[in-house]
């Protein structure tokens, strides 16, 4: 009876398939990689992300508030004139 000499670069090799052994890990790792990548891309491209332009939103709100303050001052001045003339 002859025995097979299973060696690879001087190391003993067992007759197990690499794909059969690591198939669940390869499949789950690949799936996780692509799902996490998909989720990250979707989160970065979110059109309703209010935090992406928060500085611009604050500047616009400040400009609107300044206009409201000017309008309120003008209105109060008109009321003061009206009360002063009567």
N, C-alpha and C. Protein backbone atom coordinates (compact mmCIF):
# COMPACT_ATOMS: atom_id res chain seq x y z
N UNK A 1 0.83 -1.16 0.00
CA UNK A 1 0.00 0.00 0.00
C UNK A 1 0.88 1.24 0.00
N UNK A 2 0.57 2.15 -0.88
CA UNK A 2 1.34 3.39 -0.96
C UNK A 2 0.60 4.52 -0.24
N UNK A 3 1.34 5.28 0.44
CA UNK A 3 0.76 6.43 1.12
C UNK A 3 1.09 7.68 0.31
N UNK A 4 0.15 8.58 0.31
CA UNK A 4 0.38 9.85 -0.39
C UNK A 4 1.20 10.77 0.51
N UNK A 5 2.16 11.37 -0.06
CA UNK A 5 2.98 12.34 0.67
C UNK A 5 2.35 13.71 0.45
N UNK A 6 1.58 14.15 1.42
CA UNK A 6 0.89 15.43 1.28
C UNK A 6 1.75 16.53 1.94
N UNK A 7 2.55 17.18 1.13
CA UNK A 7 3.36 18.29 1.62
C UNK A 7 3.26 19.45 0.65
N UNK A 8 3.40 20.61 1.18
CA UNK A 8 3.39 21.83 0.38
C UNK A 8 4.42 22.76 0.99
N UNK A 9 5.49 23.01 0.29
CA UNK A 9 6.63 23.79 0.79
C UNK A 9 7.15 23.22 2.10
N UNK A 10 7.16 21.93 2.21
CA UNK A 10 7.70 21.27 3.39
C UNK A 10 6.74 21.18 4.56
N UNK A 11 5.53 21.69 4.41
CA UNK A 11 4.54 21.64 5.49
C UNK A 11 3.53 20.55 5.16
N UNK A 12 3.03 19.91 6.19
CA UNK A 12 2.04 18.86 5.98
C UNK A 12 0.70 19.47 5.58
N UNK A 13 0.03 18.86 4.64
CA UNK A 13 -1.22 19.38 4.11
C UNK A 13 -2.30 18.35 4.34
N UNK A 14 -3.44 18.78 4.85
CA UNK A 14 -4.58 17.88 5.05
C UNK A 14 -5.51 17.96 3.84
N UNK A 15 -6.21 16.91 3.54
CA UNK A 15 -7.05 16.89 2.34
C UNK A 15 -8.41 17.58 2.54
N UNK A 16 -8.39 18.82 3.00
CA UNK A 16 -9.63 19.57 3.18
C UNK A 16 -9.66 20.72 2.19
N UNK A 17 -10.81 20.99 1.68
CA UNK A 17 -10.97 22.06 0.71
C UNK A 17 -11.00 23.41 1.43
N UNK A 18 -10.28 24.38 0.95
CA UNK A 18 -10.28 25.71 1.54
C UNK A 18 -11.65 26.36 1.36
N UNK A 19 -12.23 26.20 0.18
CA UNK A 19 -13.53 26.83 -0.08
C UNK A 19 -14.61 26.22 0.80
N UNK A 20 -14.58 24.93 0.98
CA UNK A 20 -15.58 24.26 1.82
C UNK A 20 -15.46 24.70 3.28
N UNK A 21 -14.24 24.89 3.75
CA UNK A 21 -14.01 25.26 5.14
C UNK A 21 -14.38 26.71 5.41
N UNK A 22 -13.97 27.59 4.53
CA UNK A 22 -14.13 29.02 4.78
C UNK A 22 -15.30 29.66 4.04
N UNK A 23 -16.12 28.88 3.36
CA UNK A 23 -17.23 29.42 2.59
C UNK A 23 -18.17 30.30 3.43
N UNK A 24 -18.61 29.90 4.63
CA UNK A 24 -19.51 30.77 5.40
C UNK A 24 -18.86 32.10 5.77
N UNK A 25 -17.57 32.08 6.07
CA UNK A 25 -16.88 33.31 6.44
C UNK A 25 -16.69 34.22 5.24
N UNK A 26 -16.36 33.65 4.10
CA UNK A 26 -16.21 34.45 2.89
C UNK A 26 -17.54 35.08 2.50
N UNK A 27 -18.60 34.31 2.57
CA UNK A 27 -19.92 34.81 2.19
C UNK A 27 -20.39 35.90 3.16
N UNK A 28 -20.28 35.66 4.45
CA UNK A 28 -20.76 36.66 5.41
C UNK A 28 -19.87 37.91 5.40
N UNK A 29 -18.58 37.73 5.24
CA UNK A 29 -17.69 38.89 5.19
C UNK A 29 -17.95 39.76 3.98
N UNK A 30 -18.15 39.13 2.83
CA UNK A 30 -18.44 39.88 1.61
C UNK A 30 -19.78 40.59 1.73
N UNK A 31 -20.77 39.90 2.25
CA UNK A 31 -22.09 40.50 2.43
C UNK A 31 -22.03 41.69 3.38
N UNK A 32 -21.35 41.53 4.49
CA UNK A 32 -21.24 42.62 5.46
C UNK A 32 -20.51 43.81 4.86
N UNK A 33 -19.45 43.56 4.12
CA UNK A 33 -18.69 44.65 3.49
C UNK A 33 -19.58 45.46 2.57
N UNK A 34 -20.29 44.80 1.68
CA UNK A 34 -21.11 45.52 0.72
C UNK A 34 -22.32 46.18 1.38
N UNK A 35 -22.91 45.56 2.39
CA UNK A 35 -24.04 46.20 3.07
C UNK A 35 -23.61 47.42 3.87
N UNK A 36 -22.48 47.35 4.56
CA UNK A 36 -21.99 48.52 5.28
C UNK A 36 -21.62 49.64 4.32
N UNK A 37 -21.01 49.28 3.20
CA UNK A 37 -20.66 50.28 2.19
C UNK A 37 -21.93 50.93 1.65
N UNK A 38 -22.94 50.13 1.35
CA UNK A 38 -24.20 50.65 0.84
C UNK A 38 -24.84 51.60 1.85
N UNK A 39 -24.86 51.22 3.11
CA UNK A 39 -25.45 52.06 4.15
C UNK A 39 -24.68 53.37 4.32
N UNK A 40 -23.36 53.31 4.28
CA UNK A 40 -22.55 54.51 4.44
C UNK A 40 -22.79 55.48 3.28
N UNK A 41 -22.85 54.96 2.07
CA UNK A 41 -23.09 55.82 0.91
C UNK A 41 -24.47 56.45 0.98
N UNK A 42 -25.47 55.67 1.38
CA UNK A 42 -26.82 56.21 1.49
C UNK A 42 -26.91 57.28 2.56
N UNK A 43 -26.19 57.11 3.67
CA UNK A 43 -26.23 58.10 4.73
C UNK A 43 -25.51 59.39 4.31
N UNK A 44 -24.44 59.26 3.53
CA UNK A 44 -23.72 60.46 3.09
C UNK A 44 -24.50 61.22 2.03
N UNK A 45 -25.28 60.54 1.20
CA UNK A 45 -26.02 61.18 0.12
C UNK A 45 -27.44 61.54 0.51
N UNK A 46 -27.75 61.58 1.79
CA UNK A 46 -29.11 61.85 2.24
C UNK A 46 -29.49 63.29 1.92
N UNK A 47 -30.52 63.51 1.08
CA UNK A 47 -30.88 64.88 0.72
C UNK A 47 -31.58 65.63 1.84
N UNK A 48 -32.06 64.94 2.86
CA UNK A 48 -32.74 65.61 3.96
C UNK A 48 -31.83 65.81 5.16
N UNK A 49 -30.52 65.71 4.96
CA UNK A 49 -29.58 65.84 6.06
C UNK A 49 -29.48 67.30 6.48
N UNK A 50 -30.11 67.65 7.60
CA UNK A 50 -30.13 69.04 8.02
C UNK A 50 -28.80 69.48 8.63
N UNK A 51 -27.94 68.54 8.97
CA UNK A 51 -26.67 68.92 9.59
C UNK A 51 -25.60 69.22 8.55
N UNK A 52 -25.80 68.81 7.29
CA UNK A 52 -24.78 69.03 6.28
C UNK A 52 -24.57 70.51 6.02
N UNK A 53 -25.61 71.30 6.04
CA UNK A 53 -25.51 72.73 5.73
C UNK A 53 -25.93 73.58 6.92
N UNK A 54 -25.56 73.17 8.10
CA UNK A 54 -26.05 73.87 9.29
C UNK A 54 -25.52 75.29 9.39
N UNK A 55 -24.30 75.54 8.94
CA UNK A 55 -23.74 76.89 9.01
C UNK A 55 -24.54 77.82 8.09
N UNK A 56 -24.84 77.35 6.89
CA UNK A 56 -25.63 78.16 5.95
C UNK A 56 -27.04 78.39 6.49
N UNK A 57 -27.62 77.38 7.11
CA UNK A 57 -28.95 77.55 7.69
C UNK A 57 -28.95 78.60 8.80
N UNK A 58 -27.91 78.60 9.63
CA UNK A 58 -27.82 79.59 10.71
C UNK A 58 -27.63 80.99 10.13
N UNK A 59 -26.81 81.11 9.07
CA UNK A 59 -26.61 82.43 8.45
C UNK A 59 -27.91 82.96 7.85
N UNK A 60 -28.64 82.09 7.17
CA UNK A 60 -29.92 82.52 6.58
C UNK A 60 -30.89 82.94 7.67
N UNK A 61 -30.95 82.18 8.75
CA UNK A 61 -31.84 82.52 9.87
C UNK A 61 -31.44 83.84 10.49
N UNK A 62 -30.14 84.10 10.59
CA UNK A 62 -29.66 85.36 11.16
C UNK A 62 -30.06 86.54 10.27
N UNK A 63 -29.95 86.37 8.95
CA UNK A 63 -30.35 87.43 8.02
C UNK A 63 -31.86 87.69 8.13
N UNK A 64 -32.64 86.64 8.21
CA UNK A 64 -34.08 86.81 8.34
C UNK A 64 -34.44 87.49 9.67
N UNK A 65 -33.74 87.11 10.72
CA UNK A 65 -34.01 87.74 12.02
C UNK A 65 -33.64 89.21 11.99
N UNK A 66 -32.55 89.56 11.29
CA UNK A 66 -32.16 90.97 11.18
C UNK A 66 -33.23 91.76 10.44
N UNK A 67 -33.78 91.17 9.37
CA UNK A 67 -34.86 91.84 8.65
C UNK A 67 -36.10 92.01 9.53
N UNK A 68 -36.42 90.99 10.29
CA UNK A 68 -37.57 91.08 11.20
C UNK A 68 -37.35 92.17 12.25
N UNK A 69 -36.12 92.25 12.75
CA UNK A 69 -35.82 93.28 13.75
C UNK A 69 -35.95 94.68 13.15
N UNK A 70 -35.46 94.85 11.91
CA UNK A 70 -35.58 96.15 11.25
C UNK A 70 -37.05 96.51 11.03
N UNK A 71 -37.84 95.52 10.60
CA UNK A 71 -39.27 95.77 10.38
C UNK A 71 -39.96 96.12 11.69
N UNK A 72 -39.62 95.44 12.77
CA UNK A 72 -40.22 95.74 14.07
C UNK A 72 -39.82 97.13 14.54
N UNK A 73 -38.56 97.50 14.33
CA UNK A 73 -38.11 98.85 14.72
C UNK A 73 -38.85 99.92 13.92
N UNK A 74 -39.00 99.69 12.62
CA UNK A 74 -39.72 100.65 11.78
C UNK A 74 -41.17 100.77 12.23
N UNK A 75 -41.80 99.64 12.52
CA UNK A 75 -43.19 99.64 12.98
C UNK A 75 -43.32 100.38 14.30
N UNK A 76 -42.42 100.12 15.23
CA UNK A 76 -42.45 100.81 16.52
C UNK A 76 -42.22 102.31 16.35
N UNK A 77 -41.35 102.70 15.40
CA UNK A 77 -41.12 104.12 15.13
C UNK A 77 -42.38 104.76 14.57
N UNK A 78 -43.09 104.06 13.69
CA UNK A 78 -44.34 104.60 13.14
C UNK A 78 -45.39 104.77 14.23
N UNK A 79 -45.48 103.80 15.11
CA UNK A 79 -46.43 103.88 16.22
C UNK A 79 -46.06 105.06 17.13
N UNK A 80 -44.76 105.23 17.40
CA UNK A 80 -44.32 106.33 18.25
C UNK A 80 -44.63 107.69 17.61
N UNK A 81 -44.45 107.81 16.30
CA UNK A 81 -44.77 109.06 15.59
C UNK A 81 -46.26 109.36 15.69
N UNK A 82 -47.06 108.30 15.48
CA UNK A 82 -48.50 108.46 15.51
C UNK A 82 -48.97 108.90 16.89
N UNK A 83 -48.41 108.30 17.91
CA UNK A 83 -48.80 108.65 19.27
C UNK A 83 -48.29 110.04 19.64
N UNK A 84 -47.17 110.45 19.08
CA UNK A 84 -46.60 111.77 19.38
C UNK A 84 -47.38 112.88 18.71
N UNK A 85 -47.98 112.62 17.56
CA UNK A 85 -48.71 113.67 16.84
C UNK A 85 -50.11 113.86 17.37
N UNK A 86 -50.70 112.91 18.02
CA UNK A 86 -52.05 113.03 18.54
C UNK A 86 -52.07 113.78 19.79
